[in-house]
C-alpha atoms as a PDB file:
ATOM      1  CA  MET A   1     107.424 119.108 108.576  1.00  0.00           C
ATOM      2  CA  SER A   2     105.018 118.601 105.837  1.00  0.00           C
ATOM      3  CA  PRO A   3     102.597 115.637 105.383  1.00  0.00           C
ATOM      4  CA  ARG A   4     104.354 112.557 103.954  1.00  0.00           C
ATOM      5  CA  HIS A   5     103.204 109.492 102.190  1.00  0.00           C
ATOM      6  CA  ASP A   6     104.702 106.217 103.468  1.00  0.00           C
ATOM      7  CA  GLU A   7     107.532 105.778 100.943  1.00  0.00           C
ATOM      8  CA  ARG A   8     109.356 108.426 102.962  1.00  0.00           C
ATOM      9  CA  ARG A   9     111.190 107.652 106.125  1.00  0.00           C
ATOM     10  CA  GLY A  10     109.593 107.494 109.469  1.00  0.00           C
ATOM     11  CA  PHE A  11     110.950 108.865 112.768  1.00  0.00           C
ATOM     12  CA  SER A  12     111.138 105.758 114.852  1.00  0.00           C
ATOM     13  CA  GLN A  13     114.470 104.750 116.169  1.00  0.00           C
ATOM     14  CA  HIS A  14     115.931 101.649 117.402  1.00  0.00           C
ATOM     15  CA  PHE A  15     118.957 101.327 119.661  1.00  0.00           C
ATOM     16  CA  GLY A  16     121.073  98.228 120.367  1.00  0.00           C
ATOM     17  CA  THR A  17     124.551  97.706 121.799  1.00  0.00           C
ATOM     18  CA  ASN A  18     125.991 100.038 119.245  1.00  0.00           C
ATOM     19  CA  LEU A  19     126.508 103.429 120.719  1.00  0.00           C
ATOM     20  CA  ALA A  20     126.018 105.202 117.443  1.00  0.00           C
ATOM     21  CA  HIS A  21     125.463 108.651 118.508  1.00  0.00           C
ATOM     22  CA  PRO A  22     126.738 111.890 116.992  1.00  0.00           C
ATOM     23  CA  LEU A  23     128.210 113.041 120.291  1.00  0.00           C
ATOM     24  CA  LEU A  24     130.105 109.685 120.618  1.00  0.00           C
ATOM     25  CA  PRO A  25     131.685 109.061 117.424  1.00  0.00           C
ATOM     26  CA  ALA A  26     135.139 107.895 118.611  1.00  0.00           C
ATOM     27  CA  LEU A  27     134.625 106.459 122.016  1.00  0.00           C
ATOM     28  CA  PRO A  28     137.260 103.419 122.428  1.00  0.00           C
ATOM     29  CA  LEU A  29     134.498 101.171 123.989  1.00  0.00           C
ATOM     30  CA  SER A  30     134.196  97.233 123.993  1.00  0.00           C
ATOM     31  CA  TYR A  31     131.627  95.125 125.602  1.00  0.00           C
ATOM     32  CA  LEU A  32     132.529  91.677 127.200  1.00  0.00           C
ATOM     33  CA  ALA A  33     130.175  89.194 128.541  1.00  0.00           C
ATOM     34  CA  GLY A  34     132.078  86.600 130.701  1.00  0.00           C
ATOM     35  CA  ALA A  35     131.651  82.961 129.721  1.00  0.00           C
ATOM     36  CA  GLY A  36     128.759  81.278 131.247  1.00  0.00           C
ATOM     37  CA  GLU A  37     127.561  84.622 132.855  1.00  0.00           C
ATOM     38  CA  SER A  38     124.279  86.345 131.888  1.00  0.00           C
ATOM     39  CA  PRO A  39     124.469  88.531 128.457  1.00  0.00           C
ATOM     40  CA  TRP A  40     123.080  91.386 130.529  1.00  0.00           C
ATOM     41  CA  ARG A  41     126.165  91.528 132.665  1.00  0.00           C
ATOM     42  CA  LEU A  42     128.085  93.797 130.257  1.00  0.00           C
ATOM     43  CA  VAL A  43     131.626  95.298 131.246  1.00  0.00           C
ATOM     44  CA  VAL A  44     132.448  98.607 129.823  1.00  0.00           C
ATOM     45  CA  ILE A  45     136.241  98.829 129.011  1.00  0.00           C
ATOM     46  CA  ILE A  46     137.539 102.399 128.691  1.00  0.00           C
ATOM     47  CA  ARG A  47     140.581 102.844 126.847  1.00  0.00           C
ATOM     48  CA  GLY A  48     142.369 106.278 127.269  1.00  0.00           C
ATOM     49  CA  MET A  49     139.003 107.943 127.751  1.00  0.00           C
ATOM     50  CA  PRO A  50     138.359 109.841 130.991  1.00  0.00           C
ATOM     51  CA  VAL A  51     135.289 108.469 132.717  1.00  0.00           C
ATOM     52  CA  ARG A  52     133.706 111.714 133.251  1.00  0.00           C
ATOM     53  CA  TYR A  53     133.391 112.209 129.437  1.00  0.00           C
ATOM     54  CA  LEU A  54     131.844 108.840 128.986  1.00  0.00           C
ATOM     55  CA  ALA A  55     129.235 109.604 131.687  1.00  0.00           C
ATOM     56  CA  ALA A  56     128.327 112.946 129.994  1.00  0.00           C
ATOM     57  CA  GLY A  57     128.231 111.338 126.607  1.00  0.00           C
ATOM     58  CA  LEU A  58     125.935 108.421 127.811  1.00  0.00           C
ATOM     59  CA  ALA A  59     123.715 111.021 129.567  1.00  0.00           C
ATOM     60  CA  LEU A  60     123.187 112.814 126.315  1.00  0.00           C
ATOM     61  CA  PHE A  61     122.666 109.690 124.549  1.00  0.00           C
ATOM     62  CA  ALA A  62     119.882 108.760 126.974  1.00  0.00           C
ATOM     63  CA  ALA A  63     118.265 112.018 126.550  1.00  0.00           C
ATOM     64  CA  SER A  64     117.964 111.345 122.786  1.00  0.00           C
ATOM     65  CA  ALA A  65     116.500 107.778 122.990  1.00  0.00           C
ATOM     66  CA  ARG A  66     112.874 107.706 121.995  1.00  0.00           C
ATOM     67  CA  ALA A  67     110.020 105.120 122.090  1.00  0.00           C
ATOM     68  CA  ASP A  68     106.684 105.240 120.233  1.00  0.00           C
ATOM     69  CA  ILE A  69     103.464 105.023 122.168  1.00  0.00           C
ATOM     70  CA  SER A  70     100.098 104.711 120.671  1.00  0.00           C
ATOM     71  CA  LEU A  71      97.539 107.460 121.248  1.00  0.00           C
ATOM     72  CA  TYR A  72      94.774 106.336 118.949  1.00  0.00           C
ATOM     73  CA  PHE A  73      93.959 103.542 116.531  1.00  0.00           C
ATOM     74  CA  ASN A  74      90.778 102.480 114.595  1.00  0.00           C
ATOM     75  CA  ASP A  75      90.391 100.322 111.789  1.00  0.00           C
ATOM     76  CA  PHE A  76      86.547 100.603 112.115  1.00  0.00           C
ATOM     77  CA  GLN A  77      85.867  96.951 112.464  1.00  0.00           C
ATOM     78  CA  ALA A  78      84.047  97.632 115.576  1.00  0.00           C
ATOM     79  CA  SER A  79      82.609 100.979 116.609  1.00  0.00           C
ATOM     80  CA  VAL A  80      83.461 104.522 115.356  1.00  0.00           C
ATOM     81  CA  GLY A  81      83.916 106.374 118.569  1.00  0.00           C
ATOM     82  CA  SER A  82      83.021 109.610 120.025  1.00  0.00           C
ATOM     83  CA  GLN A  83      86.380 111.221 118.871  1.00  0.00           C
ATOM     84  CA  TRP A  84      84.826 111.580 115.400  1.00  0.00           C
ATOM     85  CA  THR A  85      82.605 114.360 114.280  1.00  0.00           C
ATOM     86  CA  SER A  86      81.542 115.558 110.759  1.00  0.00           C
ATOM     87  CA  THR A  87      80.073 118.548 109.116  1.00  0.00           C
ATOM     88  CA  SER A  88      78.217 116.038 106.547  1.00  0.00           C
ATOM     89  CA  PRO A  89      74.466 116.776 106.015  1.00  0.00           C
ATOM     90  CA  TYR A  90      73.957 113.111 105.361  1.00  0.00           C
ATOM     91  CA  ALA A  91      74.110 109.911 107.512  1.00  0.00           C
ATOM     92  CA  TRP A  92      77.707 108.635 108.111  1.00  0.00           C
ATOM     93  CA  GLY A  93      79.487 105.962 110.010  1.00  0.00           C
ATOM     94  CA  GLN A  94      80.783 102.431 109.776  1.00  0.00           C
ATOM     95  CA  GLN A  95      80.543 101.041 106.240  1.00  0.00           C
ATOM     96  CA  SER A  96      81.572  98.120 104.311  1.00  0.00           C
ATOM     97  CA  THR A  97      83.211  97.866 100.799  1.00  0.00           C
ATOM     98  CA  PRO A  98      81.408  95.664  98.085  1.00  0.00           C
ATOM     99  CA  SER A  99      84.749  93.662  97.857  1.00  0.00           C
ATOM    100  CA  PRO A 100      85.072  91.278  99.616  1.00  0.00           C
ATOM    101  CA  ASP A 101      81.379  90.525  99.419  1.00  0.00           C
ATOM    102  CA  ASP A 102      81.278  89.214 103.005  1.00  0.00           C
ATOM    103  CA  GLY A 103      81.330  92.780 104.131  1.00  0.00           C
ATOM    104  CA  SER A 104      84.405  92.323 106.198  1.00  0.00           C
ATOM    105  CA  ARG A 105      86.386  95.286 104.805  1.00  0.00           C
ATOM    106  CA  LYS A 106      85.028  98.252 106.850  1.00  0.00           C
ATOM    107  CA  PHE A 107      85.694 101.926 106.941  1.00  0.00           C
ATOM    108  CA  LEU A 108      84.409 105.297 108.106  1.00  0.00           C
ATOM    109  CA  GLY A 109      82.281 106.958 105.312  1.00  0.00           C
ATOM    110  CA  TYR A 110      80.621 107.994 103.176  1.00  0.00           C
ATOM    111  CA  PHE A 111      81.713 111.631 102.752  1.00  0.00           C
ATOM    112  CA  GLY A 112      81.601 114.061  99.855  1.00  0.00           C
ATOM    113  CA  GLY A 113      80.883 117.555  98.580  1.00  0.00           C
ATOM    114  CA  ASN A 114      82.838 119.804 101.023  1.00  0.00           C
ATOM    115  CA  ASP A 115      82.513 117.733 104.071  1.00  0.00           C
ATOM    116  CA  VAL A 116      85.097 118.038 106.923  1.00  0.00           C
ATOM    117  CA  VAL A 117      85.625 114.920 109.242  1.00  0.00           C
ATOM    118  CA  THR A 118      87.401 115.776 112.486  1.00  0.00           C
ATOM    119  CA  LEU A 119      89.446 113.277 114.893  1.00  0.00           C
ATOM    120  CA  THR A 120      89.909 114.797 118.283  1.00  0.00           C
ATOM    121  CA  VAL A 121      92.408 112.967 120.581  1.00  0.00           C
ATOM    122  CA  ALA A 122      92.579 114.151 124.141  1.00  0.00           C
ATOM    123  CA  ASP A 123      94.950 113.650 127.147  1.00  0.00           C
ATOM    124  CA  ILE A 124      98.151 113.544 125.203  1.00  0.00           C
ATOM    125  CA  PRO A 125     101.056 113.093 127.674  1.00  0.00           C
ATOM    126  CA  ASP A 126     103.126 116.043 128.648  1.00  0.00           C
ATOM    127  CA  GLU A 127     106.443 114.292 127.719  1.00  0.00           C
ATOM    128  CA  VAL A 128     105.030 113.993 124.113  1.00  0.00           C
ATOM    129  CA  THR A 129     107.007 116.130 121.733  1.00  0.00           C
ATOM    130  CA  THR A 130     106.217 114.754 118.431  1.00  0.00           C
ATOM    131  CA  LEU A 131     103.012 113.341 116.732  1.00  0.00           C
ATOM    132  CA  LYS A 132     102.807 110.876 113.811  1.00  0.00           C
ATOM    133  CA  LEU A 133      99.455 110.490 112.042  1.00  0.00           C
ATOM    134  CA  GLU A 134      99.052 107.545 109.471  1.00  0.00           C
ATOM    135  CA  PHE A 135      95.735 106.725 107.539  1.00  0.00           C
ATOM    136  CA  ASP A 136      94.038 105.273 104.347  1.00  0.00           C
ATOM    137  CA  ALA A 137      91.976 107.384 102.282  1.00  0.00           C
ATOM    138  CA  TYR A 138      89.325 105.297 100.280  1.00  0.00           C
ATOM    139  CA  LEU A 139      88.345 107.189  97.132  1.00  0.00           C
ATOM    140  CA  MET A 140      85.072 106.009  95.238  1.00  0.00           C
ATOM    141  CA  TRP A 141      83.639 106.545  91.856  1.00  0.00           C
ATOM    142  CA  SER A 142      84.178 109.411  89.301  1.00  0.00           C
ATOM    143  CA  TRP A 143      86.977 111.669  90.894  1.00  0.00           C
ATOM    144  CA  ASP A 144      87.797 113.991  88.176  1.00  0.00           C
ATOM    145  CA  GLY A 145      91.059 115.416  89.279  1.00  0.00           C
ATOM    146  CA  ASN A 146      92.076 118.876  87.792  1.00  0.00           C
ATOM    147  CA  ASP A 147      89.192 118.654  85.062  1.00  0.00           C
ATOM    148  CA  SER A 148      86.990 121.580  85.403  1.00  0.00           C
ATOM    149  CA  ARG A 149      84.916 121.006  82.297  1.00  0.00           C
ATOM    150  CA  PRO A 150      81.164 121.647  82.947  1.00  0.00           C
ATOM    151  CA  VAL A 151      78.539 118.958  82.841  1.00  0.00           C
ATOM    152  CA  ASN A 152      74.978 119.896  83.147  1.00  0.00           C
ATOM    153  CA  ASP A 153      75.844 123.310  84.023  1.00  0.00           C
ATOM    154  CA  VAL A 154      78.251 121.933  86.937  1.00  0.00           C
ATOM    155  CA  LEU A 155      82.071 121.868  86.958  1.00  0.00           C
ATOM    156  CA  ARG A 156      83.405 118.389  87.281  1.00  0.00           C
ATOM    157  CA  GLY A 157      86.205 119.350  89.299  1.00  0.00           C
ATOM    158  CA  PRO A 158      88.880 120.234  90.713  1.00  0.00           C
ATOM    159  CA  ASP A 159      88.145 117.081  93.062  1.00  0.00           C
ATOM    160  CA  VAL A 160      90.101 117.784  96.231  1.00  0.00           C
ATOM    161  CA  PHE A 161      91.062 115.710  99.246  1.00  0.00           C
ATOM    162  CA  GLY A 162      93.104 117.008 102.040  1.00  0.00           C
ATOM    163  CA  PHE A 163      93.926 116.992 105.761  1.00  0.00           C
ATOM    164  CA  ARG A 164      95.242 119.463 108.406  1.00  0.00           C
ATOM    165  CA  TYR A 165      96.394 119.476 112.163  1.00  0.00           C
ATOM    166  CA  GLY A 166      94.664 121.946 114.328  1.00  0.00           C
ATOM    167  CA  ALA A 167      93.797 125.238 112.300  1.00  0.00           C
ATOM    168  CA  GLY A 168      96.120 124.159 109.631  1.00  0.00           C
ATOM    169  CA  GLY A 169      96.975 126.874 107.022  1.00  0.00           C
ATOM    170  CA  THR A 170     100.789 126.228 106.878  1.00  0.00           C
ATOM    171  CA  PRO A 171     102.677 123.568 104.921  1.00  0.00           C
ATOM    172  CA  GLU A 172     103.543 121.905 108.043  1.00  0.00           C
ATOM    173  CA  THR A 173     100.035 121.582 109.288  1.00  0.00           C
ATOM    174  CA  GLU A 174      97.982 121.309 106.052  1.00  0.00           C
ATOM    175  CA  SER A 175      97.988 119.494 102.613  1.00  0.00           C
ATOM    176  CA  SER A 176      95.609 118.891  99.884  1.00  0.00           C
ATOM    177  CA  TRP A 177      95.662 117.508  96.325  1.00  0.00           C
ATOM    178  CA  THR A 178      93.309 116.734  93.441  1.00  0.00           C
ATOM    179  CA  PHE A 179      92.635 112.926  92.606  1.00  0.00           C
ATOM    180  CA  SER A 180      91.269 111.245  89.502  1.00  0.00           C
ATOM    181  CA  HIS A 181      89.937 108.197  88.281  1.00  0.00           C
ATOM    182  CA  GLY A 182      89.129 109.677  84.980  1.00  0.00           C
ATOM    183  CA  ASN A 183      90.525 110.086  81.473  1.00  0.00           C
ATOM    184  CA  GLY A 184      94.377 110.091  81.319  1.00  0.00           C
ATOM    185  CA  ASP A 185      94.104 112.994  78.772  1.00  0.00           C
ATOM    186  CA  LEU A 186      91.735 115.200  80.319  1.00  0.00           C
ATOM    187  CA  SER A 187      91.601 114.240  84.103  1.00  0.00           C
ATOM    188  CA  LEU A 188      95.030 114.623  85.585  1.00  0.00           C
ATOM    189  CA  GLN A 189      95.751 115.028  89.365  1.00  0.00           C
ATOM    190  CA  THR A 190      98.299 116.684  91.663  1.00  0.00           C
ATOM    191  CA  TYR A 191      99.026 113.888  94.156  1.00  0.00           C
ATOM    192  CA  CYS A 192     101.823 112.533  92.230  1.00  0.00           C
ATOM    193  CA  ASP A 193     104.105 110.699  94.715  1.00  0.00           C
ATOM    194  CA  VAL A 194     107.685 111.348  93.595  1.00  0.00           C
ATOM    195  CA  LEU A 195     106.615 112.365  90.018  1.00  0.00           C
ATOM    196  CA  SER A 196     106.041 115.892  88.728  1.00  0.00           C
ATOM    197  CA  SER A 197     102.614 117.502  88.870  1.00  0.00           C
ATOM    198  CA  PRO A 198     100.269 117.075  87.337  1.00  0.00           C
ATOM    199  CA  CYS A 199     100.412 113.336  86.706  1.00  0.00           C
ATOM    200  CA  LEU A 200      98.165 110.343  85.518  1.00  0.00           C
ATOM    201  CA  PRO A 201      94.934 109.205  87.286  1.00  0.00           C
ATOM    202  CA  THR A 202      95.580 106.966  90.466  1.00  0.00           C
ATOM    203  CA  THR A 203      99.417 107.853  90.604  1.00  0.00           C
ATOM    204  CA  GLY A 204     100.932 106.867  94.096  1.00  0.00           C
ATOM    205  CA  ALA A 205      97.797 104.872  95.182  1.00  0.00           C
ATOM    206  CA  GLN A 206      98.584 101.879  97.259  1.00  0.00           C
ATOM    207  CA  GLU A 207      95.474  99.953  95.744  1.00  0.00           C
ATOM    208  CA  ARG A 208      93.446 100.297  92.670  1.00  0.00           C
ATOM    209  CA  TYR A 209      90.075  98.976  91.837  1.00  0.00           C
ATOM    210  CA  THR A 210      90.283  96.524  94.846  1.00  0.00           C
ATOM    211  CA  LEU A 211      87.127  97.978  96.712  1.00  0.00           C
ATOM    212  CA  GLY A 212      84.581  96.766  94.373  1.00  0.00           C
ATOM    213  CA  TYR A 213      83.146 100.151  93.349  1.00  0.00           C
ATOM    214  CA  ARG A 214      81.841 100.751  89.804  1.00  0.00           C
ATOM    215  CA  PHE A 215      80.254 103.741  88.214  1.00  0.00           C
ATOM    216  CA  GLU A 216      76.810 102.757  87.622  1.00  0.00           C
ATOM    217  CA  ILE A 217      74.939 105.929  87.206  1.00  0.00           C
ATOM    218  CA  LEU A 218      74.121 107.476  83.825  1.00  0.00           C
ATOM    219  CA  PRO A 219      74.976 111.198  83.725  1.00  0.00           C
ATOM    220  CA  THR A 220      74.641 113.049  80.371  1.00  0.00           C
ATOM    221  CA  GLU A 221      78.354 113.020  79.621  1.00  0.00           C
ATOM    222  CA  GLU A 222      80.055 112.438  76.321  1.00  0.00           C
ATOM    223  CA  ASP A 223      82.013 109.537  77.600  1.00  0.00           C
ATOM    224  CA  VAL A 224      79.350 107.606  79.270  1.00  0.00           C
ATOM    225  CA  GLY A 225      79.958 104.734  77.170  1.00  0.00           C
ATOM    226  CA  SER A 226      83.384 104.199  78.343  1.00  0.00           C
ATOM    227  CA  THR A 227      82.641 104.780  82.059  1.00  0.00           C
ATOM    228  CA  GLN A 228      79.266 102.694  82.429  1.00  0.00           C
ATOM    229  CA  ALA A 229      79.911  99.980  84.960  1.00  0.00           C
ATOM    230  CA  ALA A 230      83.659 100.612  85.094  1.00  0.00           C
ATOM    231  CA  PRO A 231      85.709  99.929  88.349  1.00  0.00           C
ATOM    232  CA  MET A 232      86.427 103.250  90.083  1.00  0.00           C
ATOM    233  CA  ASP A 233      88.268 103.150  93.321  1.00  0.00           C
ATOM    234  CA  SER A 234      91.564 103.590  94.884  1.00  0.00           C
ATOM    235  CA  VAL A 235      93.372 103.449  98.183  1.00  0.00           C
ATOM    236  CA  TYR A 236      95.954 105.958  99.359  1.00  0.00           C
ATOM    237  CA  HIS A 237      98.114 105.690 102.350  1.00  0.00           C
ATOM    238  CA  PHE A 238      99.377 108.914 104.204  1.00  0.00           C
ATOM    239  CA  VAL A 239     102.022 109.612 106.843  1.00  0.00           C
ATOM    240  CA  TRP A 240     102.129 112.938 108.707  1.00  0.00           C
ATOM    241  CA  GLU A 241     104.609 114.051 111.275  1.00  0.00           C
ATOM    242  CA  GLY A 242     104.566 117.281 113.466  1.00  0.00           C
ATOM    243  CA  ALA A 243     105.269 118.876 116.745  1.00  0.00           C
ATOM    244  CA  ARG A 244     102.777 118.397 119.457  1.00  0.00           C
ATOM    245  CA  THR A 245     101.063 121.802 120.358  1.00  0.00           C
ATOM    246  CA  GLY A 246      98.848 120.731 123.539  1.00  0.00           C
ATOM    247  CA  SER A 247      97.091 118.272 125.477  1.00  0.00           C
ATOM    248  CA  THR A 248      94.472 117.739 122.850  1.00  0.00           C
ATOM    249  CA  ALA A 249      95.096 117.108 118.984  1.00  0.00           C
ATOM    250  CA  ALA A 250      92.420 117.648 116.336  1.00  0.00           C
ATOM    251  CA  PHE A 251      93.003 116.285 112.734  1.00  0.00           C
ATOM    252  CA  SER A 252      90.657 117.216 110.121  1.00  0.00           C
ATOM    253  CA  PHE A 253      89.998 115.468 106.749  1.00  0.00           C
ATOM    254  CA  TYR A 254      88.082 117.082 103.993  1.00  0.00           C
ATOM    255  CA  SER A 255      87.061 117.383 100.482  1.00  0.00           C
ATOM    256  CA  ASN A 256      86.430 120.336  98.138  1.00  0.00           C
ATOM    257  CA  GLY A 257      84.366 120.463  94.886  1.00  0.00           C
ATOM    258  CA  LEU A 258      82.945 116.955  94.944  1.00  0.00           C
ATOM    259  CA  GLN A 259      79.785 116.741  92.855  1.00  0.00           C
ATOM    260  CA  VAL A 260      76.466 116.222  94.923  1.00  0.00           C
ATOM    261  CA  ARG A 261      73.786 114.718  93.164  1.00  0.00           C
ATOM    262  CA  SER A 262      70.285 115.349  94.468  1.00  0.00           C
ATOM    263  CA  ASP A 263      68.881 113.306  91.682  1.00  0.00           C
ATOM    264  CA  LEU A 264      70.380 110.199  93.019  1.00  0.00           C
ATOM    265  CA  GLU A 265      69.182 107.949  95.718  1.00  0.00           C
ATOM    266  CA  PHE A 266      72.208 108.936  97.776  1.00  0.00           C
ATOM    267  CA  PRO A 267      73.827 112.332  96.633  1.00  0.00           C
ATOM    268  CA  TYR A 268      77.373 111.075  96.973  1.00  0.00           C
ATOM    269  CA  LEU A 269      77.073 108.236  94.598  1.00  0.00           C
ATOM    270  CA  ASP A 270      78.883 110.224  92.041  1.00  0.00           C
ATOM    271  CA  GLU A 271      82.132 110.985  94.096  1.00  0.00           C
ATOM    272  CA  ALA A 272      82.763 110.081  97.574  1.00  0.00           C
ATOM    273  CA  TRP A 273      85.631 109.069 100.075  1.00  0.00           C
ATOM    274  CA  GLY A 274      86.054 107.405 103.435  1.00  0.00           C
ATOM    275  CA  LEU A 275      88.872 106.706 106.033  1.00  0.00           C
ATOM    276  CA  ASP A 276      90.349 103.442 107.395  1.00  0.00           C
ATOM    277  CA  ASN A 277      93.356 102.281 109.674  1.00  0.00           C
ATOM    278  CA  VAL A 278      93.762 105.764 111.460  1.00  0.00           C
ATOM    279  CA  ARG A 279      96.693 105.800 113.747  1.00  0.00           C
ATOM    280  CA  LEU A 280      98.185 108.368 116.119  1.00  0.00           C
ATOM    281  CA  THR A 281     101.426 107.744 117.692  1.00  0.00           C
ATOM    282  CA  ALA A 282     104.054 109.810 119.672  1.00  0.00           C
ATOM    283  CA  ALA A 283     107.697 109.749 120.384  1.00  0.00           C
ATOM    284  CA  ILE A 284     108.555 110.363 123.987  1.00  0.00           C
ATOM    285  CA  PRO A 285     111.929 110.166 125.665  1.00  0.00           C
ATOM    286  CA  GLU A 286     113.065 106.765 127.211  1.00  0.00           C
ATOM    287  CA  PRO A 287     115.972 107.507 129.157  1.00  0.00           C
ATOM    288  CA  GLU A 288     115.665 105.127 132.110  1.00  0.00           C
ATOM    289  CA  THR A 289     118.170 102.294 130.864  1.00  0.00           C
ATOM    290  CA  TRP A 290     120.754 104.514 129.480  1.00  0.00           C
ATOM    291  CA  ALA A 291     120.325 107.020 132.421  1.00  0.00           C
ATOM    292  CA  LEU A 292     121.239 104.146 134.973  1.00  0.00           C
ATOM    293  CA  VAL A 293     124.260 103.330 132.831  1.00  0.00           C
ATOM    294  CA  ALA A 294     125.258 106.972 132.837  1.00  0.00           C
ATOM    295  CA  ALA A 295     124.664 107.286 136.531  1.00  0.00           C
ATOM    296  CA  GLY A 296     126.762 104.197 137.264  1.00  0.00           C
ATOM    297  CA  ILE A 297     129.598 105.653 135.330  1.00  0.00           C
ATOM    298  CA  ALA A 298     129.363 108.901 137.141  1.00  0.00           C
ATOM    299  CA  LEU A 299     129.542 107.242 140.458  1.00  0.00           C
ATOM    300  CA  LEU A 300     132.736 105.207 139.231  1.00  0.00           C
ATOM    301  CA  ALA A 301     134.136 108.566 138.239  1.00  0.00           C
ATOM    302  CA  ALA A 302     133.227 110.035 141.589  1.00  0.00           C
ATOM    303  CA  GLY A 303     134.756 107.212 143.424  1.00  0.00           C
ATOM    304  CA  ARG A 304     137.892 107.377 141.351  1.00  0.00           C
ATOM    305  CA  ARG A 305     138.370 110.911 142.093  1.00  0.00           C
ATOM    306  CA  LEU A 306     138.066 110.272 145.836  1.00  0.00           C
ATOM    307  CA  ARG A 307     140.595 107.559 145.958  1.00  0.00           C
ATOM    308  CA  THR A 308     143.058 109.872 144.111  1.00  0.00           C
ATOM    309  CA  ARG A 309     142.434 112.366 146.784  1.00  0.00           C
ATOM    310  CA  MET A 310     143.052 110.029 149.455  1.00  0.00           C
ATOM    311  CA  ALA A 311     146.115 108.411 148.105  1.00  0.00           C
END
C-alpha cells in the first residue's frame, strides 16, 4: 500500500449486531431479547440453516475482526523521547511555533538541508499484522517546490519532503514530493492531493499561514519586495498503512535540496520543517467475543448430532 493523506479511507472496522460479512451474505438470522431481560441475552434463531454452517461462518467472522492498538504517540508537548534520532548537524528537539504567542503549540524540529529524522518503535506484538502511521508535517519559510532557478549560484529547488518505512525504496514503503510557498507561476509543487501534478503552492495543506512564520531575511532575489515579511508556513497531514515486517519498526522523515544558509544566525532560517502529532497504531485480531459465540453454536451442533444418533 502506498502512503495516503487523510482524505482516503482508514482501515479501522467497527462491528455491531449486524453480521455483515462476505462469507455470511444470506444467513436467515434474527436476534431477540426477551422483555425485561438483559440486552446481552441474545437468542439466535436459525431458519432453515444447518447449525454447523453457522458455526463455521461465525468462526471465520471472528477471525476477521480487528481492533486498533496504540504503539506510539507524541505531540511533543512534553519530552521528545529516545525513540528519535537525526542526522542533522544542528541542534534539534522540542520547539514552539510563533503562533500562538504563548508557546503552547510545540513540535519536533527544526530540520532542513538533507536531514533525516528517524522514529524507531520496538516490541511490536507478534499478533500485529498491519501498521498505520499518521503525522503532521510543518513546513516553514521559502519552500520553492519545483523551482530550480539559481540564486547566488545556488539552486532554489527542487525542495523535497518525504518519508519511508524501513529501508524504503518501493512505492509501498516510501514517498516524497515537492512543496511550495512561492510564486504560483514559477514555484509549483508535486504534492497535489486529488489534483493533477504539478499544482499550485500549498495544495492539499490542512493549514496555511497559521503557525506564525514570516520570511524576514533579505536574500538577493528579484522578488524580494513581494516576499519580505510575508507569512510562509503550512501544515500537511499524512496517513500511511503497510504490513508489519518485524518486532521493530523504523520510520524516516527527510528533506532534500533545502537551502542551508551559513550567512544566517541559524542556517535553516530560509527553509525548514518539523513534525507533530506522530501516531503509530496496529490492527490485531480480536476474536474473543465471536469465537465464544462460534464455540457455543458448535457445541449446540454437536449435542444435536448426539441426540439424533440416540433417538
